Each structure stands twice: as C-alpha cells, then as structure tokens.
Amino acid sequence: MRTRIIRNILVFCICVTSVAKVQAQSFERLDVSGSWAIGTTIGMSDLWGDVGTQSIMDHYNNGQYFNKPHFMGGIFARLAVHPAFAIRAGINYGTVYATDKWNYNAAVKDQTVGTDAVQRYERFQDAKTNIWEGSLLFELEPLRIDPMSTIACRAGQPYALFGLGYFHFQPYSSLNGGWVKTAPLHLEGDGFPGAGFPAQVNLYQMCIPLGFGYRFDIGPHLNLGIEYQWRMCFTDYLDGVSGKYIDPKYFDLYLSPGDAAIAKQMADKSHLAFNVGPHAPGDLRGNSSNNDSYSTISIILYWKVMVHHIPWWGK
C-alpha cells in the first residue's frame, strides 16, 4: 500500500514538473511587456510606378524580371508591450528598379497601337532609385491577443504591421550604358519658373508602410521569419516619370548646356529604339493621378536581448 502511495506521489510530482516546464517554455516564447530585441532584414525590392508594367502579373512574369533583381535591407530594434503587440523602429537602405522593357511580352501579344502595354514599351524608359528609409512600425500577432490560450504558445505565428516612414530617394535612368540622376535635370519641367510646370520634386518624403508576415521562434531568443511590406507614398516621382513631355527649348533656357544636352536625350527615349517620336510637348509621359509606391519581400531575423520569463499577466 505504502509503495503504491509513494509511486502515485512520484507520478504526480513528475506530471506537475513536466506541466510547469512546458508552461515555462511556452511563456518564454511570448514577448511579454518590456521584452526587447535587435534584428535585421534583407530581401528583394520592387518599384511600383509609371515606369514598368501596369499589371502585377506582368511585373513578375515577363521573362526579364529576375535578370536584374534589386534588394533592400536594414536593422531595427523591437519592444514588446504585450504578447500580441510590439513597436519596431528601423533603418533600411536599398534600390528599386523598373523598366518599360518588361512590357515586351504583353506588347507583342496585343500589337495594338495606343494600348497601355505598347505605349509603355515604346516609351523605352527605365528607372533605378536609391532609397534610405526610417520607419516606426506597430506589430499585431492576432493569435496571441489571449496570451493564456494554447494557440498563443505555438512557435510559429502570423502577424500584421502598419506604421509611418520617412525616406530619401534618388532616381536614376540609364544613358549610354551608365546611370544618370534625373532629379537635377527636371525632365518634366518640375521646378521651372512660369505657369504650367509642376512643382519642384521633394526628394524627402513620408510613406505609410503596411505588411504581414510569418515568423518562427527558434528557442527563447532567436526568431526567424518572412515578411512583405508595401509603402504607400505621396510622390509620383520615385521613377522620375509622372506627367507630360515639355518643349526641349526649356532645357536650354533653364539648365547648363551640358545638362540640357543630357536632359534632351533622357526626357524622350522613344526615338532611340523605335521609329516613334519625338513626342510633342503636352503628350503624356506618365500618369500623375497615381502616386508611386515600393515594396519588399524579406527574410527577418532578430535576437531577443531581454526576455521576461515571468509573465506580467500571471502576477
């Protein structure tokens, strides 16, 4: 009898210890209030503007997209205010790229003069833009809103994010095998004096990042995931293309002779590759009614520097 009682007590103790250990491990996975981390991201970046394709499918499925992939990455600090909520501040740098050549397949398939794909392809513009970005992001892990639930303790968790960003951009376009800054050339007359010209382009802009991701806890400190972010911008000049062609005489009037010569070649490239143009002043060069944006698909990795093993909601 005594042996059975002792055995039952030992079994009970083992069960309690095991449950406590599992519960402790589960709590370690939760980013409780005051837990903070440092991390890094790196991934492919995309420009969504006037240059390039109109269709998302054509953007990725044009046969040339992966010939020149571009990337953006950075570092960040993350502070958890609840197992389901965190604040993230970071700095990123990278380049985004687009070219009207991506419309080749759609243009060949359509072959109708004046359609969007044909017009874009014959415009023959390209853009590469360097971006420095700072952001303040708010993360939400919906499955951890109730931190005591079983699903909250799973190692893999989906999350959503939103916030505010501030970035500096510098657009380039190709000429004779090299890249030339387009902003100082005022290719659409932006900043030129007189009525009818667009305002000077501001290379410092705000944006609104929106995104989602999925990450996995690799032990109590290391976290690995994949994340998509799209930045809604308030400028249409990320790619240096927005409005209308202007009379080339204004380049001679407001630019130095050297810059004027380059601007004339870069403002209208259609005649460089096709028997088209040059375009008349006032013809559409882009679509100023839609602002540009950019996005990233990134690998995210961070290390939890400070982990609270005692959850505040359990005190």
Protein backbone atom coordinates (compact mmCIF):
# COMPACT_ATOMS: atom_id res chain seq x y z
CA MET A 1 0.00 0.00 0.00
CA ARG A 2 2.74 2.40 1.01
CA THR A 3 4.64 1.56 -2.17
CA ARG A 4 1.59 2.43 -4.27
CA ILE A 5 1.14 5.74 -2.48
CA ILE A 6 4.80 6.64 -2.96
CA ARG A 7 4.58 5.68 -6.63
CA ASN A 8 1.46 7.81 -7.11
CA ILE A 9 3.12 10.75 -5.39
CA LEU A 10 6.17 10.41 -7.63
CA VAL A 11 3.98 10.21 -10.73
CA PHE A 12 2.06 13.28 -9.59
CA CYS A 13 5.30 15.20 -8.96
CA ILE A 14 6.68 14.24 -12.35
CA CYS A 15 3.46 15.34 -14.04
CA VAL A 16 3.42 18.67 -12.21
CA THR A 17 7.09 19.25 -13.04
CA SER A 18 6.51 18.42 -16.71
CA VAL A 19 3.49 20.72 -16.96
CA ALA A 20 5.40 23.51 -15.24
CA LYS A 21 8.35 23.03 -17.59
CA VAL A 22 6.13 23.07 -20.69
CA GLN A 23 4.30 26.13 -19.35
CA ALA A 24 7.61 27.89 -18.70
CA GLN A 25 8.80 27.09 -22.20
CA SER A 26 5.53 28.44 -23.56
CA PHE A 27 5.92 31.66 -21.59
CA GLU A 28 9.47 32.02 -22.95
CA ARG A 29 8.03 32.11 -26.45
CA LEU A 30 5.79 35.02 -25.59
CA ASP A 31 7.21 38.53 -25.95
CA VAL A 32 5.88 39.89 -22.69
CA SER A 33 5.85 43.55 -21.66
CA GLY A 34 9.34 45.01 -21.60
CA SER A 35 10.98 42.34 -23.76
CA TRP A 36 13.11 43.89 -26.47
CA ALA A 37 15.19 42.65 -29.37
CA ILE A 38 17.53 43.73 -32.15
CA GLY A 39 17.28 42.38 -35.66
CA THR A 40 17.94 42.65 -39.35
CA THR A 41 16.04 42.25 -42.62
CA ILE A 42 17.14 41.61 -46.19
CA GLY A 43 15.04 40.93 -49.25
CA MET A 44 14.02 41.72 -52.80
CA SER A 45 12.54 45.15 -53.52
CA ASP A 46 10.08 46.35 -56.15
CA LEU A 47 9.15 49.72 -57.65
CA TRP A 48 5.50 50.35 -58.50
CA GLY A 49 5.31 53.48 -60.62
CA ASP A 50 4.81 54.84 -64.12
CA VAL A 51 7.87 53.01 -65.47
CA GLY A 52 7.41 49.27 -65.80
CA THR A 53 4.22 47.26 -66.14
CA GLN A 54 0.69 48.13 -65.17
CA SER A 55 -0.22 44.54 -64.27
CA ILE A 56 1.25 42.84 -61.20
CA MET A 57 1.37 39.55 -63.13
CA ASP A 58 3.31 41.17 -65.98
CA HIS A 59 5.67 42.71 -63.42
CA TYR A 60 6.81 39.31 -62.13
CA ASN A 61 6.10 37.15 -65.16
CA ASN A 62 7.78 38.97 -68.04
CA GLY A 63 10.87 36.82 -68.63
CA GLN A 64 13.28 39.60 -67.62
CA TYR A 65 12.34 40.38 -64.02
CA PHE A 66 14.97 38.14 -62.45
CA ASN A 67 17.72 39.40 -64.76
CA LYS A 68 18.24 42.43 -62.50
CA PRO A 69 16.89 41.76 -59.02
CA HIS A 70 17.32 44.59 -56.53
CA PHE A 71 17.42 44.43 -52.76
CA MET A 72 16.72 46.38 -49.59
CA GLY A 73 17.74 45.60 -46.03
CA GLY A 74 18.46 47.15 -42.68
CA ILE A 75 18.46 46.90 -38.90
CA PHE A 76 15.81 47.51 -36.28
CA ALA A 77 15.01 47.47 -32.56
CA ARG A 78 11.80 45.88 -31.30
CA LEU A 79 9.99 46.43 -28.00
CA ALA A 80 7.11 44.19 -26.91
CA VAL A 81 4.34 45.91 -24.96
CA HIS A 82 2.13 42.81 -24.88
CA PRO A 83 2.48 39.28 -26.28
CA ALA A 84 0.33 40.41 -29.22
CA PHE A 85 1.66 43.96 -29.69
CA ALA A 86 5.13 45.34 -30.39
CA ILE A 87 6.75 48.56 -31.58
CA ARG A 88 9.57 48.41 -34.10
CA ALA A 89 11.94 51.21 -35.18
CA GLY A 90 14.36 50.62 -38.02
CA ILE A 91 16.56 51.98 -40.79
CA ASN A 92 16.70 50.45 -44.28
CA TYR A 93 18.68 51.08 -47.44
CA GLY A 94 18.31 49.63 -50.90
CA THR A 95 17.40 50.18 -54.52
CA VAL A 96 14.23 49.65 -56.52
CA TYR A 97 14.15 49.13 -60.27
CA ALA A 98 11.72 49.02 -63.18
CA THR A 99 11.96 49.16 -66.96
CA ASP A 100 9.48 49.55 -69.79
CA LYS A 101 11.13 46.54 -71.47
CA TRP A 102 9.11 44.35 -69.10
CA ASN A 103 6.10 45.10 -71.32
CA TYR A 104 7.58 43.26 -74.30
CA ASN A 105 5.50 40.06 -73.95
CA ALA A 106 2.25 41.96 -73.39
CA ALA A 107 3.03 44.36 -76.26
CA VAL A 108 3.77 41.53 -78.69
CA LYS A 109 0.59 39.74 -77.64
CA ASP A 110 -1.53 42.86 -78.02
CA GLN A 111 0.11 44.55 -81.03
CA THR A 112 -2.48 47.34 -80.96
CA VAL A 113 -1.14 50.86 -81.31
CA GLY A 114 -2.13 53.01 -78.38
CA THR A 115 -2.74 50.28 -75.81
CA ASP A 116 -1.08 50.64 -72.41
CA ALA A 117 1.49 47.85 -72.86
CA VAL A 118 2.53 49.10 -76.33
CA GLN A 119 2.80 52.71 -75.17
CA ARG A 120 4.90 51.75 -72.17
CA TYR A 121 7.17 49.52 -74.24
CA GLU A 122 7.71 52.20 -76.90
CA ARG A 123 8.38 54.85 -74.24
CA PHE A 124 11.61 52.93 -73.52
CA GLN A 125 12.21 54.41 -70.07
CA ASP A 126 13.85 52.71 -67.11
CA ALA A 127 14.47 53.73 -63.52
CA LYS A 128 16.72 52.74 -60.65
CA THR A 129 16.10 54.55 -57.37
CA ASN A 130 18.24 54.52 -54.24
CA ILE A 131 16.24 54.76 -51.02
CA TRP A 132 17.20 55.49 -47.40
CA GLU A 133 14.27 54.77 -45.12
CA GLY A 134 13.47 55.19 -41.45
CA SER A 135 10.27 53.70 -40.04
CA LEU A 136 8.23 53.26 -36.88
CA LEU A 137 6.08 50.14 -37.12
CA PHE A 138 3.37 48.59 -34.96
CA GLU A 139 3.07 44.80 -35.00
CA LEU A 140 0.00 42.73 -34.19
CA GLU A 141 0.07 38.97 -33.60
CA PRO A 142 -3.67 38.15 -33.57
CA LEU A 143 -3.28 34.62 -32.20
CA ARG A 144 -1.57 35.98 -29.07
CA ILE A 145 -4.21 38.50 -28.04
CA ASP A 146 -5.20 35.95 -25.39
CA PRO A 147 -1.73 35.05 -24.03
CA MET A 148 -3.07 32.19 -21.90
CA SER A 149 -4.53 30.29 -24.86
CA THR A 150 -2.84 27.20 -26.27
CA ILE A 151 -2.53 28.71 -29.75
CA ALA A 152 -0.66 31.71 -28.34
CA CYS A 153 2.17 29.43 -27.25
CA ARG A 154 2.81 27.98 -30.69
CA ALA A 155 6.27 28.70 -32.02
CA GLY A 156 5.02 29.83 -35.44
CA GLN A 157 2.87 32.97 -35.56
CA PRO A 158 1.38 35.16 -38.32
CA TYR A 159 1.42 38.91 -37.83
CA ALA A 160 0.36 42.17 -39.44
CA LEU A 161 2.12 45.53 -39.32
CA PHE A 162 1.49 49.19 -40.11
CA GLY A 163 3.19 52.46 -39.30
CA LEU A 164 4.88 55.60 -40.56
CA GLY A 165 8.03 56.01 -42.62
CA TYR A 166 10.27 58.81 -43.80
CA PHE A 167 12.61 58.28 -46.73
CA HIS A 168 15.06 59.97 -49.06
CA PHE A 169 15.16 58.82 -52.67
CA GLN A 170 17.40 59.50 -55.64
CA PRO A 171 16.07 58.34 -59.05
CA TYR A 172 18.36 57.43 -61.95
CA SER A 173 17.79 56.48 -65.57
CA SER A 174 20.19 54.83 -67.99
CA LEU A 175 22.04 56.57 -70.79
CA ASN A 176 24.83 55.15 -72.96
CA GLY A 177 25.44 52.25 -70.56
CA GLY A 178 25.57 54.38 -67.40
CA TRP A 179 23.13 55.74 -64.82
CA VAL A 180 22.29 59.44 -64.60
CA LYS A 181 20.41 61.27 -61.83
CA THR A 182 17.11 62.50 -63.21
CA ALA A 183 16.01 64.94 -60.48
CA PRO A 184 18.64 67.64 -61.28
CA LEU A 185 17.62 67.51 -64.96
CA HIS A 186 13.95 68.45 -64.36
CA LEU A 187 12.87 66.21 -67.24
CA GLU A 188 9.22 67.27 -66.99
CA GLY A 189 9.96 70.89 -66.15
CA ASP A 190 9.40 70.36 -62.42
CA GLY A 191 10.60 73.43 -60.58
CA PHE A 192 10.97 75.56 -63.70
CA PRO A 193 9.58 79.11 -63.32
CA GLY A 194 6.36 80.06 -65.02
CA ALA A 195 2.83 78.71 -65.19
CA GLY A 196 2.14 75.17 -66.33
CA PHE A 197 5.21 73.50 -64.83
CA PRO A 198 4.98 71.02 -61.92
CA ALA A 199 6.36 71.95 -58.52
CA GLN A 200 9.94 71.14 -57.61
CA VAL A 201 10.31 67.48 -56.64
CA ASN A 202 10.96 66.94 -52.93
CA LEU A 203 13.37 64.01 -52.51
CA TYR A 204 12.41 63.66 -48.82
CA GLN A 205 9.00 62.07 -48.35
CA MET A 206 6.65 60.41 -45.88
CA CYS A 207 5.19 56.96 -46.51
CA ILE A 208 2.78 54.56 -44.84
CA PRO A 209 4.15 51.01 -44.57
CA LEU A 210 1.63 48.16 -44.50
CA GLY A 211 2.50 44.49 -44.36
CA PHE A 212 2.20 40.99 -42.99
CA GLY A 213 4.47 38.09 -42.22
CA TYR A 214 5.03 34.78 -40.52
CA ARG A 215 7.81 34.05 -38.07
CA PHE A 216 9.01 31.12 -36.02
CA ASP A 217 10.57 31.09 -32.57
CA ILE A 218 13.84 29.16 -32.65
CA GLY A 219 14.35 28.82 -28.93
CA PRO A 220 13.69 31.54 -26.34
CA HIS A 221 15.90 34.18 -28.01
CA LEU A 222 16.20 33.68 -31.79
CA ASN A 223 13.35 34.42 -34.20
CA LEU A 224 13.22 33.84 -37.98
CA GLY A 225 10.51 34.79 -40.45
CA ILE A 226 9.43 36.07 -43.84
CA GLU A 227 7.74 39.43 -44.30
CA TYR A 228 6.06 41.51 -47.01
CA GLN A 229 5.92 45.31 -46.76
CA TRP A 230 4.28 47.77 -49.14
CA ARG A 231 4.87 51.51 -48.77
CA MET A 232 2.15 53.90 -49.83
CA CYS A 233 3.93 57.08 -50.94
CA PHE A 234 2.84 60.65 -51.52
CA THR A 235 5.00 61.35 -54.56
CA ASP A 236 4.79 60.29 -58.20
CA TYR A 237 8.48 60.79 -58.91
CA LEU A 238 10.10 57.67 -57.46
CA ASP A 239 10.93 56.66 -61.02
CA GLY A 240 11.39 60.19 -62.37
CA VAL A 241 8.31 59.87 -64.60
CA SER A 242 4.95 61.45 -63.80
CA GLY A 243 3.36 63.98 -66.16
CA LYS A 244 3.93 65.32 -69.66
CA TYR A 245 6.68 65.92 -72.19
CA ILE A 246 7.83 69.52 -72.35
CA ASP A 247 9.31 71.59 -75.15
CA PRO A 248 13.09 70.84 -75.21
CA LYS A 249 13.80 74.56 -75.55
CA TYR A 250 13.16 74.93 -71.82
CA PHE A 251 16.14 72.72 -71.06
CA ASP A 252 18.34 75.20 -72.94
CA LEU A 253 16.68 78.06 -71.12
CA TYR A 254 16.97 76.82 -67.53
CA LEU A 255 19.82 74.28 -67.49
CA SER A 256 23.51 74.47 -68.22
CA PRO A 257 24.48 73.50 -71.80
CA GLY A 258 25.84 70.13 -70.65
CA ASP A 259 22.78 69.25 -68.55
CA ALA A 260 20.45 70.48 -71.29
CA ALA A 261 22.04 68.13 -73.82
CA ILE A 262 21.66 65.16 -71.46
CA ALA A 263 18.09 66.12 -70.49
CA LYS A 264 17.01 66.20 -74.15
CA GLN A 265 18.25 62.64 -74.62
CA MET A 266 16.68 61.30 -71.43
CA ALA A 267 13.31 63.04 -71.42
CA ASP A 268 12.18 61.26 -74.57
CA LYS A 269 13.87 57.95 -75.35
CA SER A 270 11.31 56.51 -77.76
CA HIS A 271 13.16 57.57 -80.90
CA LEU A 272 16.36 55.93 -79.59
CA ALA A 273 14.93 52.43 -80.11
CA PHE A 274 11.80 52.77 -82.21
CA ASN A 275 10.58 54.73 -85.17
CA VAL A 276 8.41 56.74 -82.80
CA GLY A 277 8.51 60.40 -81.79
CA PRO A 278 9.90 62.61 -80.69
CA HIS A 279 6.76 63.32 -78.70
CA ALA A 280 5.09 66.70 -78.90
CA PRO A 281 5.03 68.98 -75.85
CA GLY A 282 1.98 68.12 -73.78
CA ASP A 283 1.90 64.44 -74.73
CA LEU A 284 1.57 62.13 -71.72
CA ARG A 285 4.85 60.82 -70.39
CA GLY A 286 3.30 59.26 -67.28
CA ASN A 287 0.17 59.26 -65.16
CA SER A 288 0.28 61.96 -62.49
CA SER A 289 -3.06 60.87 -60.97
CA ASN A 290 -1.48 57.81 -59.31
CA ASN A 291 1.38 58.12 -56.82
CA ASP A 292 4.25 55.64 -56.88
CA SER A 293 4.99 53.04 -54.20
CA TYR A 294 7.59 50.41 -53.38
CA SER A 295 7.62 47.07 -51.61
CA THR A 296 9.91 44.40 -50.17
CA ILE A 297 9.74 40.65 -49.61
CA SER A 298 12.27 40.00 -46.87
CA ILE A 299 13.79 37.48 -44.53
CA ILE A 300 13.61 38.82 -40.98
CA LEU A 301 15.89 37.68 -38.16
CA TYR A 302 16.05 39.07 -34.63
CA TRP A 303 17.59 38.25 -31.27
CA LYS A 304 15.66 38.82 -28.06
CA VAL A 305 18.17 40.61 -25.87
CA MET A 306 15.91 40.78 -22.82
CA VAL A 307 13.31 38.08 -22.20
CA HIS A 308 10.95 38.18 -19.22
CA HIS A 309 10.29 34.63 -18.06
CA ILE A 310 7.59 35.65 -15.58
CA PRO A 311 4.58 36.96 -17.48
CA TRP A 312 3.10 40.16 -16.09
CA TRP A 313 -0.44 38.84 -16.52
CA GLY A 314 0.40 35.94 -14.21
CA LYS A 315 1.50 38.10 -11.27
